[in-house]
Amino acid sequence: MAVFDSIHLFLQELIGAYYMQLIILVGINTIMATSLNLIIGYTGQLSIGHAAFMSLGAYCSALVTLHLGFPFLLSLLCGALFAAIFGVIIGIPTLKLKGDYLAIATLGFGEIVRIVCLNLEITGGAMGLRGIPKKTNFVWVLLAVLFTVFILNRIIKSRIGRALVAIREDETAADSMGINSTYYKILCFGVGAFFAGLGGGLLAHYIRFLHPKTFDFMKSIEQLCMVVLGGLGNIWGSFVGATILTVAPEMLRSVADLRLLIYGLVLILMMRLRPQGILGEQTRLAPFFSQKIRNLLQKRTRTNT
């Protein structure tokens, strides 16, 4: 929209193009980190293939814009829904796995998506997808971040959120209390994939060029670091983690030779000194619901005996 572009240009003139770019990247990474936090932090499902859903949303959004001429908002929605569909499809067989096995399965899915995009002609193959119109600006990213945080916050504070926390704390006890853990985990996976696809669509229309290497294994690890650094089970912690891990590499450009060393050292010290993350868990509902489930199970056992 012309109004959004005008606001973006005004703010860019005010703070500079470089800082505007950083802010936009922080916003996109916040969307990615918060959506991954729903899967890992609140449901306890270790997924290391989140970048795959980001790539699906990015490619789908870019392709419908290039070949079908869809408006920007509609192309973002198409990319997000496309990623969500794959999230549900992949979630049905893989979410019966737990722990390391689930992590390996999601890693395999991420590599499959990357290889397929690398060999398809419609995605540009090894040459990448070029010519994507630049439609992402500060206002669009801000609205997307607010939308993401609002929806995820509503989910977390709802009955669904309580079920997710119960599954994370003790899946067996949650199943015993009538919570359909498979259904809720697939739902969580689909919602997380939806917002990952939204972030991918925003990124595609900002950098204007897509290559499968952009969404490799290290991209998923970077998003995982954002979640862990900010605090598992904390939406605002995801924002803090995304901000730090987006801005830190830029601040260390003056010491380019030591940048990765300092970057890794900071992460190691952080995990050593404060393993719960900078903000820690957002609420103490997890132990509360876990104890509540155990108490109900004990009462049912006494009643049956």
C-alpha atoms as a PDB file:
ATOM      1  CA  MET A   1       0.000   0.000   0.000  1.00  0.00           C
ATOM      2  CA  ALA A   2       1.159   3.514  -0.787  1.00  0.00           C
ATOM      3  CA  VAL A   3       0.581   4.682   2.792  1.00  0.00           C
ATOM      4  CA  PHE A   4       2.760   1.876   4.165  1.00  0.00           C
ATOM      5  CA  ASP A   5       5.508   2.711   1.686  1.00  0.00           C
ATOM      6  CA  SER A   6       5.387   6.378   2.663  1.00  0.00           C
ATOM      7  CA  ILE A   7       5.698   5.558   6.365  1.00  0.00           C
ATOM      8  CA  HIS A   8       8.567   3.184   5.612  1.00  0.00           C
ATOM      9  CA  LEU A   9      10.445   5.784   3.563  1.00  0.00           C
ATOM     10  CA  PHE A  10       9.923   8.460   6.209  1.00  0.00           C
ATOM     11  CA  LEU A  11      11.302   6.228   8.975  1.00  0.00           C
ATOM     12  CA  GLN A  12      14.155   5.103   6.756  1.00  0.00           C
ATOM     13  CA  GLU A  13      15.175   8.701   6.155  1.00  0.00           C
ATOM     14  CA  LEU A  14      14.945   9.306   9.884  1.00  0.00           C
ATOM     15  CA  ILE A  15      17.104   6.410  11.134  1.00  0.00           C
ATOM     16  CA  GLY A  16      18.996   5.366   8.004  1.00  0.00           C
ATOM     17  CA  ALA A  17      18.664   2.481   5.552  1.00  0.00           C
ATOM     18  CA  TYR A  18      21.145   0.273   7.418  1.00  0.00           C
ATOM     19  CA  TYR A  19      19.295   0.408  10.745  1.00  0.00           C
ATOM     20  CA  MET A  20      15.963  -0.009   8.995  1.00  0.00           C
ATOM     21  CA  GLN A  21      17.271  -3.210   7.437  1.00  0.00           C
ATOM     22  CA  LEU A  22      18.331  -4.473  10.860  1.00  0.00           C
ATOM     23  CA  ILE A  23      14.910  -3.694  12.333  1.00  0.00           C
ATOM     24  CA  ILE A  24      13.121  -5.543   9.535  1.00  0.00           C
ATOM     25  CA  LEU A  25      15.368  -8.590   9.918  1.00  0.00           C
ATOM     26  CA  VAL A  26      14.807  -8.544  13.681  1.00  0.00           C
ATOM     27  CA  GLY A  27      11.050  -8.519  13.045  1.00  0.00           C
ATOM     28  CA  ILE A  28      11.202 -11.478  10.647  1.00  0.00           C
ATOM     29  CA  ASN A  29      13.445 -13.423  13.026  1.00  0.00           C
ATOM     30  CA  THR A  30      11.044 -12.649  15.878  1.00  0.00           C
ATOM     31  CA  ILE A  31       8.226 -14.274  13.918  1.00  0.00           C
ATOM     32  CA  MET A  32      10.402 -17.330  13.313  1.00  0.00           C
ATOM     33  CA  ALA A  33      11.563 -17.578  16.931  1.00  0.00           C
ATOM     34  CA  THR A  34       8.109 -17.167  18.490  1.00  0.00           C
ATOM     35  CA  SER A  35       6.579 -19.773  16.176  1.00  0.00           C
ATOM     36  CA  LEU A  36       9.385 -22.219  16.988  1.00  0.00           C
ATOM     37  CA  ASN A  37       8.991 -21.457  20.700  1.00  0.00           C
ATOM     38  CA  LEU A  38       5.393 -22.665  20.512  1.00  0.00           C
ATOM     39  CA  ILE A  39       6.643 -26.026  19.265  1.00  0.00           C
ATOM     40  CA  ILE A  40       9.715 -26.427  21.470  1.00  0.00           C
ATOM     41  CA  GLY A  41       9.151 -24.212  24.496  1.00  0.00           C
ATOM     42  CA  TYR A  42       5.466 -24.835  25.150  1.00  0.00           C
ATOM     43  CA  THR A  43       4.898 -28.310  23.703  1.00  0.00           C
ATOM     44  CA  GLY A  44       8.347 -29.789  24.249  1.00  0.00           C
ATOM     45  CA  GLN A  45       8.771 -31.109  20.686  1.00  0.00           C
ATOM     46  CA  LEU A  46      12.380 -30.783  19.531  1.00  0.00           C
ATOM     47  CA  SER A  47      12.178 -29.602  15.919  1.00  0.00           C
ATOM     48  CA  ILE A  48      15.329 -28.642  14.041  1.00  0.00           C
ATOM     49  CA  GLY A  49      13.768 -28.323  10.604  1.00  0.00           C
ATOM     50  CA  HIS A  50      11.898 -25.058  11.098  1.00  0.00           C
ATOM     51  CA  ALA A  51      13.774 -23.391   8.251  1.00  0.00           C
ATOM     52  CA  ALA A  52      12.109 -25.859   5.875  1.00  0.00           C
ATOM     53  CA  PHE A  53       8.693 -24.341   6.598  1.00  0.00           C
ATOM     54  CA  MET A  54      10.186 -20.901   6.168  1.00  0.00           C
ATOM     55  CA  SER A  55      11.484 -21.909   2.728  1.00  0.00           C
ATOM     56  CA  LEU A  56       8.118 -23.382   1.701  1.00  0.00           C
ATOM     57  CA  GLY A  57       6.374 -20.150   2.611  1.00  0.00           C
ATOM     58  CA  ALA A  58       9.052 -18.056   0.917  1.00  0.00           C
ATOM     59  CA  TYR A  59       8.997 -19.952  -2.376  1.00  0.00           C
ATOM     60  CA  CYS A  60       5.210 -20.282  -2.516  1.00  0.00           C
ATOM     61  CA  SER A  61       4.668 -16.609  -1.730  1.00  0.00           C
ATOM     62  CA  ALA A  62       7.272 -15.498  -4.266  1.00  0.00           C
ATOM     63  CA  LEU A  63       5.966 -17.786  -7.021  1.00  0.00           C
ATOM     64  CA  VAL A  64       2.324 -16.723  -6.722  1.00  0.00           C
ATOM     65  CA  THR A  65       3.465 -13.106  -6.847  1.00  0.00           C
ATOM     66  CA  LEU A  66       5.656 -13.670  -9.919  1.00  0.00           C
ATOM     67  CA  HIS A  67       3.426 -16.015 -11.928  1.00  0.00           C
ATOM     68  CA  LEU A  68      -0.104 -15.249 -10.743  1.00  0.00           C
ATOM     69  CA  GLY A  69       0.247 -11.575  -9.865  1.00  0.00           C
ATOM     70  CA  PHE A  70      -1.437 -11.933  -6.486  1.00  0.00           C
ATOM     71  CA  PRO A  71      -1.523  -8.919  -4.140  1.00  0.00           C
ATOM     72  CA  PHE A  72       1.176  -8.955  -1.484  1.00  0.00           C
ATOM     73  CA  LEU A  73      -1.136  -9.781   1.433  1.00  0.00           C
ATOM     74  CA  LEU A  74      -2.732 -12.660  -0.469  1.00  0.00           C
ATOM     75  CA  SER A  75       0.653 -14.041  -1.503  1.00  0.00           C
ATOM     76  CA  LEU A  76       1.791 -13.973   2.145  1.00  0.00           C
ATOM     77  CA  LEU A  77      -1.347 -15.851   3.139  1.00  0.00           C
ATOM     78  CA  CYS A  78      -0.784 -18.438   0.388  1.00  0.00           C
ATOM     79  CA  GLY A  79       2.780 -19.022   1.545  1.00  0.00           C
ATOM     80  CA  ALA A  80       1.743 -19.346   5.191  1.00  0.00           C
ATOM     81  CA  LEU A  81      -1.087 -21.782   4.404  1.00  0.00           C
ATOM     82  CA  PHE A  82       1.169 -23.814   2.115  1.00  0.00           C
ATOM     83  CA  ALA A  83       3.711 -24.197   4.924  1.00  0.00           C
ATOM     84  CA  ALA A  84       0.946 -25.035   7.425  1.00  0.00           C
ATOM     85  CA  ILE A  85      -0.397 -27.814   5.189  1.00  0.00           C
ATOM     86  CA  PHE A  86       3.036 -29.382   5.008  1.00  0.00           C
ATOM     87  CA  GLY A  87       3.389 -28.909   8.762  1.00  0.00           C
ATOM     88  CA  VAL A  88       0.273 -31.002   9.328  1.00  0.00           C
ATOM     89  CA  ILE A  89       1.253 -33.588   6.693  1.00  0.00           C
ATOM     90  CA  ILE A  90       4.706 -34.039   8.182  1.00  0.00           C
ATOM     91  CA  GLY A  91       3.408 -33.816  11.726  1.00  0.00           C
ATOM     92  CA  ILE A  92       0.999 -36.760  11.409  1.00  0.00           C
ATOM     93  CA  PRO A  93       3.710 -39.451  11.006  1.00  0.00           C
ATOM     94  CA  THR A  94       6.626 -37.761  12.794  1.00  0.00           C
ATOM     95  CA  LEU A  95       4.988 -36.448  15.963  1.00  0.00           C
ATOM     96  CA  LYS A  96       4.513 -39.984  17.223  1.00  0.00           C
ATOM     97  CA  LEU A  97       8.268 -39.829  17.747  1.00  0.00           C
ATOM     98  CA  LYS A  98       9.876 -38.156  20.725  1.00  0.00           C
ATOM     99  CA  GLY A  99      13.134 -36.457  21.651  1.00  0.00           C
ATOM    100  CA  ASP A 100      16.131 -37.170  19.458  1.00  0.00           C
ATOM    101  CA  TYR A 101      14.100 -39.272  17.028  1.00  0.00           C
ATOM    102  CA  LEU A 102      11.756 -36.360  16.312  1.00  0.00           C
ATOM    103  CA  ALA A 103      14.736 -34.045  15.878  1.00  0.00           C
ATOM    104  CA  ILE A 104      16.304 -36.395  13.318  1.00  0.00           C
ATOM    105  CA  ALA A 105      12.988 -36.734  11.461  1.00  0.00           C
ATOM    106  CA  THR A 106      12.509 -32.952  11.191  1.00  0.00           C
ATOM    107  CA  LEU A 107      16.144 -32.587  10.150  1.00  0.00           C
ATOM    108  CA  GLY A 108      15.542 -35.105   7.368  1.00  0.00           C
ATOM    109  CA  PHE A 109      12.442 -33.215   6.231  1.00  0.00           C
ATOM    110  CA  GLY A 110      14.419 -29.991   6.078  1.00  0.00           C
ATOM    111  CA  GLU A 111      17.071 -31.585   3.893  1.00  0.00           C
ATOM    112  CA  ILE A 112      14.420 -33.092   1.591  1.00  0.00           C
ATOM    113  CA  VAL A 113      12.831 -29.665   1.064  1.00  0.00           C
ATOM    114  CA  ARG A 114      16.225 -28.079   0.368  1.00  0.00           C
ATOM    115  CA  ILE A 115      17.227 -30.742  -2.175  1.00  0.00           C
ATOM    116  CA  VAL A 116      13.852 -30.592  -3.934  1.00  0.00           C
ATOM    117  CA  CYS A 117      14.068 -26.792  -4.235  1.00  0.00           C
ATOM    118  CA  LEU A 118      17.626 -27.180  -5.508  1.00  0.00           C
ATOM    119  CA  ASN A 119      16.488 -29.409  -8.373  1.00  0.00           C
ATOM    120  CA  LEU A 120      13.160 -27.899  -9.411  1.00  0.00           C
ATOM    121  CA  GLU A 121      13.089 -25.617 -12.427  1.00  0.00           C
ATOM    122  CA  ILE A 122      10.242 -23.497 -11.072  1.00  0.00           C
ATOM    123  CA  THR A 123      12.295 -22.551  -7.997  1.00  0.00           C
ATOM    124  CA  GLY A 124      15.285 -21.548 -10.106  1.00  0.00           C
ATOM    125  CA  GLY A 125      17.327 -24.596  -9.116  1.00  0.00           C
ATOM    126  CA  ALA A 126      20.943 -23.963  -8.203  1.00  0.00           C
ATOM    127  CA  MET A 127      20.747 -20.479  -9.759  1.00  0.00           C
ATOM    128  CA  GLY A 128      18.084 -19.398  -7.295  1.00  0.00           C
ATOM    129  CA  LEU A 129      14.822 -17.517  -7.772  1.00  0.00           C
ATOM    130  CA  ARG A 130      15.343 -13.941  -8.900  1.00  0.00           C
ATOM    131  CA  GLY A 131      13.225 -10.921  -9.741  1.00  0.00           C
ATOM    132  CA  ILE A 132      10.926 -11.058  -6.719  1.00  0.00           C
ATOM    133  CA  PRO A 133       9.315  -7.642  -6.248  1.00  0.00           C
ATOM    134  CA  LYS A 134      10.329  -5.832  -3.082  1.00  0.00           C
ATOM    135  CA  LYS A 135       7.069  -5.356  -1.195  1.00  0.00           C
ATOM    136  CA  THR A 136       8.119  -5.987   2.406  1.00  0.00           C
ATOM    137  CA  ASN A 137       8.588  -2.836   4.439  1.00  0.00           C
ATOM    138  CA  PHE A 138       8.677  -1.832   8.090  1.00  0.00           C
ATOM    139  CA  VAL A 139       4.900  -1.473   8.444  1.00  0.00           C
ATOM    140  CA  TRP A 140       4.164  -4.904   6.977  1.00  0.00           C
ATOM    141  CA  VAL A 141       6.736  -6.522   9.249  1.00  0.00           C
ATOM    142  CA  LEU A 142       5.423  -4.677  12.310  1.00  0.00           C
ATOM    143  CA  LEU A 143       1.848  -5.768  11.564  1.00  0.00           C
ATOM    144  CA  ALA A 144       3.005  -9.353  11.003  1.00  0.00           C
ATOM    145  CA  VAL A 145       4.907  -9.405  14.312  1.00  0.00           C
ATOM    146  CA  LEU A 146       1.932  -7.992  16.221  1.00  0.00           C
ATOM    147  CA  PHE A 147      -0.401 -10.484  14.552  1.00  0.00           C
ATOM    148  CA  THR A 148       1.932 -13.386  15.355  1.00  0.00           C
ATOM    149  CA  VAL A 149       2.446 -12.421  18.994  1.00  0.00           C
ATOM    150  CA  PHE A 150      -1.278 -11.766  19.495  1.00  0.00           C
ATOM    151  CA  ILE A 151      -2.407 -15.106  18.049  1.00  0.00           C
ATOM    152  CA  LEU A 152       0.271 -17.152  19.794  1.00  0.00           C
ATOM    153  CA  ASN A 153      -0.389 -15.390  23.093  1.00  0.00           C
ATOM    154  CA  ARG A 154      -4.104 -16.143  22.791  1.00  0.00           C
ATOM    155  CA  ILE A 155      -3.338 -19.795  22.060  1.00  0.00           C
ATOM    156  CA  ILE A 156      -0.959 -20.088  25.001  1.00  0.00           C
ATOM    157  CA  LYS A 157      -3.467 -18.588  27.449  1.00  0.00           C
ATOM    158  CA  SER A 158      -6.350 -20.693  26.171  1.00  0.00           C
ATOM    159  CA  ARG A 159      -7.409 -24.270  26.885  1.00  0.00           C
ATOM    160  CA  ILE A 160      -5.171 -25.354  24.007  1.00  0.00           C
ATOM    161  CA  GLY A 161      -2.163 -23.708  25.627  1.00  0.00           C
ATOM    162  CA  ARG A 162      -2.844 -25.476  28.914  1.00  0.00           C
ATOM    163  CA  ALA A 163      -3.073 -28.775  27.074  1.00  0.00           C
ATOM    164  CA  LEU A 164       0.246 -28.088  25.329  1.00  0.00           C
ATOM    165  CA  VAL A 165       1.973 -27.340  28.630  1.00  0.00           C
ATOM    166  CA  ALA A 166       0.500 -30.495  30.156  1.00  0.00           C
ATOM    167  CA  ILE A 167       1.840 -32.545  27.236  1.00  0.00           C
ATOM    168  CA  ARG A 168       5.274 -31.004  27.659  1.00  0.00           C
ATOM    169  CA  GLU A 169       5.388 -31.735  31.381  1.00  0.00           C
ATOM    170  CA  ASP A 170       4.066 -35.294  31.304  1.00  0.00           C
ATOM    171  CA  GLU A 171       2.542 -36.645  28.102  1.00  0.00           C
ATOM    172  CA  THR A 172       1.473 -39.942  29.696  1.00  0.00           C
ATOM    173  CA  ALA A 173      -0.380 -38.152  32.481  1.00  0.00           C
ATOM    174  CA  ALA A 174      -1.971 -35.776  29.959  1.00  0.00           C
ATOM    175  CA  ASP A 175      -3.229 -38.735  27.892  1.00  0.00           C
ATOM    176  CA  SER A 176      -4.602 -40.344  31.038  1.00  0.00           C
ATOM    177  CA  MET A 177      -6.639 -37.199  31.718  1.00  0.00           C
ATOM    178  CA  GLY A 178      -8.258 -37.349  28.295  1.00  0.00           C
ATOM    179  CA  ILE A 179      -6.003 -34.896  26.444  1.00  0.00           C
ATOM    180  CA  ASN A 180      -5.477 -36.043  22.865  1.00  0.00           C
ATOM    181  CA  SER A 181      -1.749 -35.381  22.752  1.00  0.00           C
ATOM    182  CA  THR A 182      -1.341 -36.397  19.100  1.00  0.00           C
ATOM    183  CA  TYR A 183      -4.061 -33.979  17.986  1.00  0.00           C
ATOM    184  CA  TYR A 184      -2.634 -31.066  19.977  1.00  0.00           C
ATOM    185  CA  LYS A 185       0.931 -31.706  18.839  1.00  0.00           C
ATOM    186  CA  ILE A 186      -0.131 -31.774  15.184  1.00  0.00           C
ATOM    187  CA  LEU A 187      -2.171 -28.607  15.715  1.00  0.00           C
ATOM    188  CA  CYS A 188       0.828 -26.919  17.327  1.00  0.00           C
ATOM    189  CA  PHE A 189       3.091 -28.046  14.498  1.00  0.00           C
ATOM    190  CA  GLY A 190       0.678 -26.675  11.896  1.00  0.00           C
ATOM    191  CA  VAL A 191       0.339 -23.310  13.639  1.00  0.00           C
ATOM    192  CA  GLY A 192       4.120 -23.020  14.020  1.00  0.00           C
ATOM    193  CA  ALA A 193       4.602 -23.875  10.342  1.00  0.00           C
ATOM    194  CA  PHE A 194       1.975 -21.278   9.363  1.00  0.00           C
ATOM    195  CA  PHE A 195       3.865 -18.440  11.020  1.00  0.00           C
ATOM    196  CA  ALA A 196       7.199 -19.769   9.736  1.00  0.00           C
ATOM    197  CA  GLY A 197       5.736 -19.575   6.223  1.00  0.00           C
ATOM    198  CA  LEU A 198       4.588 -16.025   6.951  1.00  0.00           C
ATOM    199  CA  GLY A 199       8.129 -15.070   7.950  1.00  0.00           C
ATOM    200  CA  GLY A 200       9.474 -16.738   4.823  1.00  0.00           C
ATOM    201  CA  GLY A 201       7.107 -14.763   2.602  1.00  0.00           C
ATOM    202  CA  LEU A 202       8.202 -11.500   4.200  1.00  0.00           C
ATOM    203  CA  LEU A 203      11.865 -12.415   3.747  1.00  0.00           C
ATOM    204  CA  ALA A 204      11.374 -13.384   0.095  1.00  0.00           C
ATOM    205  CA  HIS A 205       9.786 -10.041  -0.741  1.00  0.00           C
ATOM    206  CA  TYR A 206      12.533  -8.176   1.100  1.00  0.00           C
ATOM    207  CA  ILE A 207      15.783  -9.737  -0.122  1.00  0.00           C
ATOM    208  CA  ARG A 208      14.226 -10.359  -3.593  1.00  0.00           C
ATOM    209  CA  PHE A 209      16.321 -13.479  -4.176  1.00  0.00           C
ATOM    210  CA  LEU A 210      15.871 -17.013  -2.879  1.00  0.00           C
ATOM    211  CA  HIS A 211      18.362 -19.861  -2.858  1.00  0.00           C
ATOM    212  CA  PRO A 212      17.972 -23.241  -1.113  1.00  0.00           C
ATOM    213  CA  LYS A 213      21.219 -22.618   0.766  1.00  0.00           C
ATOM    214  CA  THR A 214      19.505 -19.738   2.575  1.00  0.00           C
ATOM    215  CA  PHE A 215      17.321 -22.267   4.388  1.00  0.00           C
ATOM    216  CA  ASP A 216      19.843 -24.948   5.239  1.00  0.00           C
ATOM    217  CA  PHE A 217      20.409 -26.788   8.528  1.00  0.00           C
ATOM    218  CA  MET A 218      22.326 -23.873  10.044  1.00  0.00           C
ATOM    219  CA  LYS A 219      19.321 -21.592   9.558  1.00  0.00           C
ATOM    220  CA  SER A 220      17.243 -23.914  11.732  1.00  0.00           C
ATOM    221  CA  ILE A 221      20.000 -24.023  14.350  1.00  0.00           C
ATOM    222  CA  GLU A 222      20.163 -20.213  14.340  1.00  0.00           C
ATOM    223  CA  GLN A 223      16.429 -20.018  15.053  1.00  0.00           C
ATOM    224  CA  LEU A 224      16.775 -22.627  17.782  1.00  0.00           C
ATOM    225  CA  CYS A 225      19.542 -20.553  19.397  1.00  0.00           C
ATOM    226  CA  MET A 226      17.249 -17.523  19.414  1.00  0.00           C
ATOM    227  CA  VAL A 227      14.587 -19.464  21.299  1.00  0.00           C
ATOM    228  CA  VAL A 228      16.985 -20.978  23.826  1.00  0.00           C
ATOM    229  CA  LEU A 229      18.880 -17.739  24.388  1.00  0.00           C
ATOM    230  CA  GLY A 230      15.736 -15.711  25.059  1.00  0.00           C
ATOM    231  CA  GLY A 231      14.065 -18.387  27.159  1.00  0.00           C
ATOM    232  CA  LEU A 232      12.078 -21.513  26.366  1.00  0.00           C
ATOM    233  CA  GLY A 233       8.398 -21.005  27.018  1.00  0.00           C
ATOM    234  CA  ASN A 234       8.622 -17.220  26.841  1.00  0.00           C
ATOM    235  CA  ILE A 235       7.212 -15.280  23.890  1.00  0.00           C
ATOM    236  CA  TRP A 236       9.026 -12.082  24.864  1.00  0.00           C
ATOM    237  CA  GLY A 237      12.205 -14.058  25.321  1.00  0.00           C
ATOM    238  CA  SER A 238      11.990 -15.015  21.648  1.00  0.00           C
ATOM    239  CA  PHE A 239      11.978 -11.321  20.760  1.00  0.00           C
ATOM    240  CA  VAL A 240      15.048 -10.709  22.931  1.00  0.00           C
ATOM    241  CA  GLY A 241      16.892 -13.704  21.496  1.00  0.00           C
ATOM    242  CA  ALA A 242      16.030 -12.738  17.914  1.00  0.00           C
ATOM    243  CA  THR A 243      17.216  -9.176  18.514  1.00  0.00           C
ATOM    244  CA  ILE A 244      20.535 -10.190  20.057  1.00  0.00           C
ATOM    245  CA  LEU A 245      21.415 -12.843  17.473  1.00  0.00           C
ATOM    246  CA  THR A 246      20.461 -10.546  14.594  1.00  0.00           C
ATOM    247  CA  VAL A 247      22.299  -7.467  15.836  1.00  0.00           C
ATOM    248  CA  ALA A 248      25.361  -9.148  17.415  1.00  0.00           C
ATOM    249  CA  PRO A 249      26.964 -10.327  14.135  1.00  0.00           C
ATOM    250  CA  GLU A 250      26.630  -6.808  12.736  1.00  0.00           C
ATOM    251  CA  MET A 251      28.211  -5.254  15.820  1.00  0.00           C
ATOM    252  CA  LEU A 252      31.157  -7.635  15.539  1.00  0.00           C
ATOM    253  CA  ARG A 253      31.965  -6.787  11.917  1.00  0.00           C
ATOM    254  CA  SER A 254      34.851  -4.564  13.086  1.00  0.00           C
ATOM    255  CA  VAL A 255      36.593  -7.700  14.359  1.00  0.00           C
ATOM    256  CA  ALA A 256      35.697  -9.916  11.425  1.00  0.00           C
ATOM    257  CA  ASP A 257      38.450 -12.450  12.113  1.00  0.00           C
ATOM    258  CA  LEU A 258      37.239 -13.033  15.666  1.00  0.00           C
ATOM    259  CA  ARG A 259      33.520 -12.531  15.082  1.00  0.00           C
ATOM    260  CA  LEU A 260      32.478 -16.188  15.053  1.00  0.00           C
ATOM    261  CA  LEU A 261      34.747 -16.943  18.011  1.00  0.00           C
ATOM    262  CA  ILE A 262      33.198 -14.175  20.135  1.00  0.00           C
ATOM    263  CA  TYR A 263      29.723 -15.095  18.933  1.00  0.00           C
ATOM    264  CA  GLY A 264      30.147 -18.733  20.004  1.00  0.00           C
ATOM    265  CA  LEU A 265      31.797 -17.792  23.300  1.00  0.00           C
ATOM    266  CA  VAL A 266      28.891 -15.538  24.260  1.00  0.00           C
ATOM    267  CA  LEU A 267      26.419 -18.369  23.612  1.00  0.00           C
ATOM    268  CA  ILE A 268      28.467 -20.844  25.652  1.00  0.00           C
ATOM    269  CA  LEU A 269      28.781 -18.442  28.600  1.00  0.00           C
ATOM    270  CA  MET A 270      25.089 -17.645  28.434  1.00  0.00           C
ATOM    271  CA  MET A 271      24.089 -21.301  28.553  1.00  0.00           C
ATOM    272  CA  ARG A 272      26.564 -21.894  31.369  1.00  0.00           C
ATOM    273  CA  LEU A 273      25.573 -18.963  33.564  1.00  0.00           C
ATOM    274  CA  ARG A 274      21.837 -18.827  32.785  1.00  0.00           C
ATOM    275  CA  PRO A 275      20.661 -22.029  31.065  1.00  0.00           C
ATOM    276  CA  GLN A 276      16.987 -21.012  31.368  1.00  0.00           C
ATOM    277  CA  GLY A 277      17.631 -18.139  28.957  1.00  0.00           C
ATOM    278  CA  ILE A 278      17.734 -14.397  29.464  1.00  0.00           C
ATOM    279  CA  LEU A 279      14.103 -14.037  30.531  1.00  0.00           C
ATOM    280  CA  GLY A 280      13.499 -17.627  31.591  1.00  0.00           C
ATOM    281  CA  GLU A 281      10.083 -19.218  31.447  1.00  0.00           C
ATOM    282  CA  GLN A 282       7.257 -16.729  31.113  1.00  0.00           C
ATOM    283  CA  THR A 283       5.004 -18.323  33.680  1.00  0.00           C
ATOM    284  CA  ARG A 284       4.906 -20.941  36.355  1.00  0.00           C
ATOM    285  CA  LEU A 285       1.839 -22.589  34.861  1.00  0.00           C
ATOM    286  CA  ALA A 286       3.834 -25.622  33.719  1.00  0.00           C
ATOM    287  CA  PRO A 287       4.659 -26.984  37.204  1.00  0.00           C
ATOM    288  CA  PHE A 288       1.172 -26.010  38.361  1.00  0.00           C
ATOM    289  CA  PHE A 289      -0.625 -28.007  35.686  1.00  0.00           C
ATOM    290  CA  SER A 290       1.803 -30.888  35.990  1.00  0.00           C
ATOM    291  CA  GLN A 291       1.103 -31.133  39.740  1.00  0.00           C
ATOM    292  CA  LYS A 292      -2.619 -30.706  39.178  1.00  0.00           C
ATOM    293  CA  ILE A 293      -2.657 -33.620  36.741  1.00  0.00           C
ATOM    294  CA  ARG A 294      -0.745 -35.799  39.196  1.00  0.00           C
ATOM    295  CA  ASN A 295      -3.181 -34.932  42.006  1.00  0.00           C
ATOM    296  CA  LEU A 296      -6.169 -35.846  39.833  1.00  0.00           C
ATOM    297  CA  LEU A 297      -4.517 -39.127  38.893  1.00  0.00           C
ATOM    298  CA  GLN A 298      -3.904 -39.918  42.551  1.00  0.00           C
ATOM    299  CA  LYS A 299      -7.553 -39.167  43.417  1.00  0.00           C
ATOM    300  CA  ARG A 300      -8.754 -41.377  40.556  1.00  0.00           C
ATOM    301  CA  THR A 301      -6.473 -44.185  41.743  1.00  0.00           C
ATOM    302  CA  ARG A 302      -7.819 -43.946  45.305  1.00  0.00           C
ATOM    303  CA  THR A 303     -11.390 -43.935  43.993  1.00  0.00           C
ATOM    304  CA  ASN A 304     -10.798 -47.028  41.863  1.00  0.00           C
ATOM    305  CA  THR A 305      -9.175 -48.894  44.718  1.00  0.00           C
END
